[in-house]
Amino acid sequence: MNWYRQSQVGYDLNLKENEYRARVKIQASQDNVDEKWEANIDEDVEFVYLINLDRRNWGIKDIDVVFQNPVTITLLVNYFDFNGNVIKEDRRPLTVDMSKLIVNYVQGYGIYVTEIDIQLTKRLEVDYENSSITVSKGGQI
């Protein structure tokens, strides 16, 4: 068992080499004042990601985290009347292609996903140009 796998939630025999499982809470909301709706995501999501090591003869130069599999989350949409009262509540699946999200790295100890920020378009689709995953990486091996 290597250091990277130890820094995660535990060893999983179902995973391949360099694959790791994470469970992260996704929280997001999007308002559309013109069309009188508000969409919310508040869900724990479990997914698998890869850790790629850029190795040199003197050690590790860099580490990249790669997301491949899509995840499906539940989007809760509330529609309002002109007085601001909820007139309809709709739950719908929203598939997020994790490989299309921007990956932001922050300094930390270990390698783990800290946050997933999903932005939605007015059509309630994922706005991939403005959605991201934050990954902590750093520390001593």
Protein backbone atom coordinates (compact mmCIF):
# COMPACT_ATOMS: atom_id res chain seq x y z
CA MET A 1 0.00 0.00 0.00
CA ASN A 2 1.56 3.30 -1.03
CA TRP A 3 1.40 6.73 0.60
CA TYR A 4 -1.17 8.08 -1.86
CA ARG A 5 -3.61 5.28 -1.19
CA GLN A 6 -3.10 5.74 2.58
CA SER A 7 -4.04 9.41 2.34
CA GLN A 8 -7.44 8.45 0.92
CA VAL A 9 -10.43 6.72 2.49
CA GLY A 10 -8.79 3.31 2.47
CA TYR A 11 -7.64 0.49 0.29
CA ASP A 12 -10.18 -0.90 -2.20
CA LEU A 13 -9.40 -4.22 -3.89
CA ASN A 14 -11.85 -3.44 -6.71
CA LEU A 15 -9.72 -0.56 -7.95
CA LYS A 16 -6.97 -0.82 -10.54
CA GLU A 17 -3.41 0.44 -10.12
CA ASN A 18 -3.33 4.23 -9.56
CA GLU A 19 -7.13 4.40 -9.08
CA TYR A 20 -8.57 5.96 -5.94
CA ARG A 21 -12.09 6.43 -4.63
CA ALA A 22 -13.34 9.69 -3.14
CA ARG A 23 -16.57 10.80 -1.54
CA VAL A 24 -17.22 14.54 -1.74
CA LYS A 25 -20.20 16.74 -0.97
CA ILE A 26 -21.37 18.83 -3.93
CA GLN A 27 -23.26 21.95 -3.03
CA ALA A 28 -24.43 24.42 -5.61
CA SER A 29 -27.30 26.72 -6.40
CA GLN A 30 -28.27 28.68 -9.46
CA ASP A 31 -30.99 31.30 -9.77
CA ASN A 32 -32.77 32.46 -12.88
CA VAL A 33 -34.71 35.58 -11.94
CA ASP A 34 -36.20 36.05 -15.42
CA GLU A 35 -37.73 32.57 -15.53
CA LYS A 36 -38.42 32.39 -11.77
CA TRP A 37 -36.57 29.21 -10.81
CA GLU A 38 -33.83 28.14 -8.45
CA ALA A 39 -31.80 24.95 -8.83
CA ASN A 40 -29.93 23.29 -5.97
CA ILE A 41 -27.54 20.39 -5.56
CA ASP A 42 -26.79 19.09 -2.08
CA GLU A 43 -25.49 15.56 -2.37
CA ASP A 44 -22.59 13.30 -1.47
CA VAL A 45 -20.99 11.91 -4.61
CA GLU A 46 -18.62 8.96 -4.84
CA PHE A 47 -16.29 8.65 -7.81
CA VAL A 48 -13.02 7.09 -8.94
CA TYR A 49 -10.02 9.07 -10.16
CA LEU A 50 -6.45 8.36 -11.26
CA ILE A 51 -3.20 9.72 -9.88
CA ASN A 52 -0.48 10.05 -12.52
CA LEU A 53 3.08 10.51 -11.31
CA ASP A 54 5.59 12.34 -13.50
CA ARG A 55 8.70 10.41 -12.43
CA ARG A 56 12.32 11.25 -13.04
CA ASN A 57 15.46 9.37 -12.11
CA TRP A 58 15.89 11.72 -9.15
CA GLY A 59 12.28 11.32 -7.89
CA ILE A 60 8.79 12.62 -8.57
CA LYS A 61 8.61 15.83 -10.59
CA ASP A 62 4.83 16.35 -10.50
CA ILE A 63 1.52 14.70 -9.77
CA ASP A 64 -1.66 15.03 -11.82
CA VAL A 65 -5.14 13.90 -10.87
CA VAL A 66 -7.32 12.65 -13.74
CA PHE A 67 -11.08 12.23 -13.62
CA GLN A 68 -12.69 9.90 -16.14
CA ASN A 69 -16.10 8.54 -15.22
CA PRO A 70 -19.25 10.64 -15.26
CA VAL A 71 -21.39 10.90 -12.12
CA THR A 72 -25.12 11.42 -11.90
CA ILE A 73 -26.49 13.70 -9.21
CA THR A 74 -29.98 14.92 -8.38
CA LEU A 75 -30.86 18.47 -9.29
CA LEU A 76 -33.73 19.98 -7.29
CA VAL A 77 -35.48 22.79 -9.19
CA ASN A 78 -38.06 25.05 -7.53
CA TYR A 79 -40.29 27.18 -9.75
CA PHE A 80 -41.80 30.34 -8.27
CA ASP A 81 -44.86 32.48 -8.95
CA PHE A 82 -44.72 36.29 -9.12
CA ASN A 83 -45.01 36.53 -5.32
CA GLY A 84 -42.01 34.26 -4.75
CA ASN A 85 -44.02 31.23 -3.65
CA VAL A 86 -42.91 27.78 -4.80
CA ILE A 87 -45.49 26.52 -7.30
CA LYS A 88 -43.64 23.43 -8.51
CA GLU A 89 -40.74 21.30 -7.35
CA ASP A 90 -38.89 19.14 -9.84
CA ARG A 91 -36.14 16.57 -9.18
CA ARG A 92 -34.14 15.56 -12.20
CA PRO A 93 -30.92 13.66 -12.81
CA LEU A 94 -27.90 15.68 -13.90
CA THR A 95 -24.92 13.85 -15.38
CA VAL A 96 -21.56 15.51 -14.82
CA ASP A 97 -18.67 14.47 -17.07
CA MET A 98 -15.86 14.73 -14.53
CA SER A 99 -13.19 14.75 -17.26
CA LYS A 100 -14.53 18.10 -18.57
CA LEU A 101 -14.25 19.96 -15.27
CA ILE A 102 -11.35 22.34 -14.71
CA VAL A 103 -8.90 20.93 -12.12
CA ASN A 104 -7.48 23.51 -9.70
CA TYR A 105 -4.60 22.47 -7.44
CA VAL A 106 -4.02 23.96 -4.00
CA GLN A 107 -1.13 23.39 -1.59
CA GLY A 108 -1.89 20.81 1.08
CA TYR A 109 -0.71 17.61 2.68
CA GLY A 110 -1.55 14.48 0.72
CA ILE A 111 -3.57 14.17 -2.46
CA TYR A 112 -7.32 14.47 -2.18
CA VAL A 113 -10.34 16.21 -3.67
CA THR A 114 -11.46 19.10 -1.49
CA GLU A 115 -14.31 20.64 -3.47
CA ILE A 116 -16.43 20.32 -6.58
CA ASP A 117 -18.02 23.53 -7.86
CA ILE A 118 -20.75 23.01 -10.47
CA GLN A 119 -22.16 25.98 -12.36
CA LEU A 120 -25.33 25.58 -14.39
CA THR A 121 -26.53 27.20 -17.59
CA LYS A 122 -30.01 28.72 -17.94
CA ARG A 123 -31.04 25.42 -19.57
CA LEU A 124 -30.02 23.58 -16.37
CA GLU A 125 -27.01 21.90 -17.96
CA VAL A 126 -23.47 21.84 -16.59
CA ASP A 127 -21.48 24.93 -17.57
CA TYR A 128 -18.13 23.18 -18.01
CA GLU A 129 -16.22 26.40 -18.74
CA ASN A 130 -17.02 27.65 -15.22
CA SER A 131 -17.18 24.41 -13.21
CA SER A 132 -14.19 22.97 -11.38
CA ILE A 133 -12.69 20.43 -9.03
CA THR A 134 -10.23 21.55 -6.36
CA VAL A 135 -7.49 19.07 -5.48
CA SER A 136 -5.09 19.42 -2.57
CA LYS A 137 -1.61 18.13 -3.24
CA GLY A 138 1.71 18.45 -1.52
CA GLY A 139 3.55 17.47 1.63
CA GLN A 140 6.40 15.07 2.21
CA ILE A 141 6.51 11.48 1.00
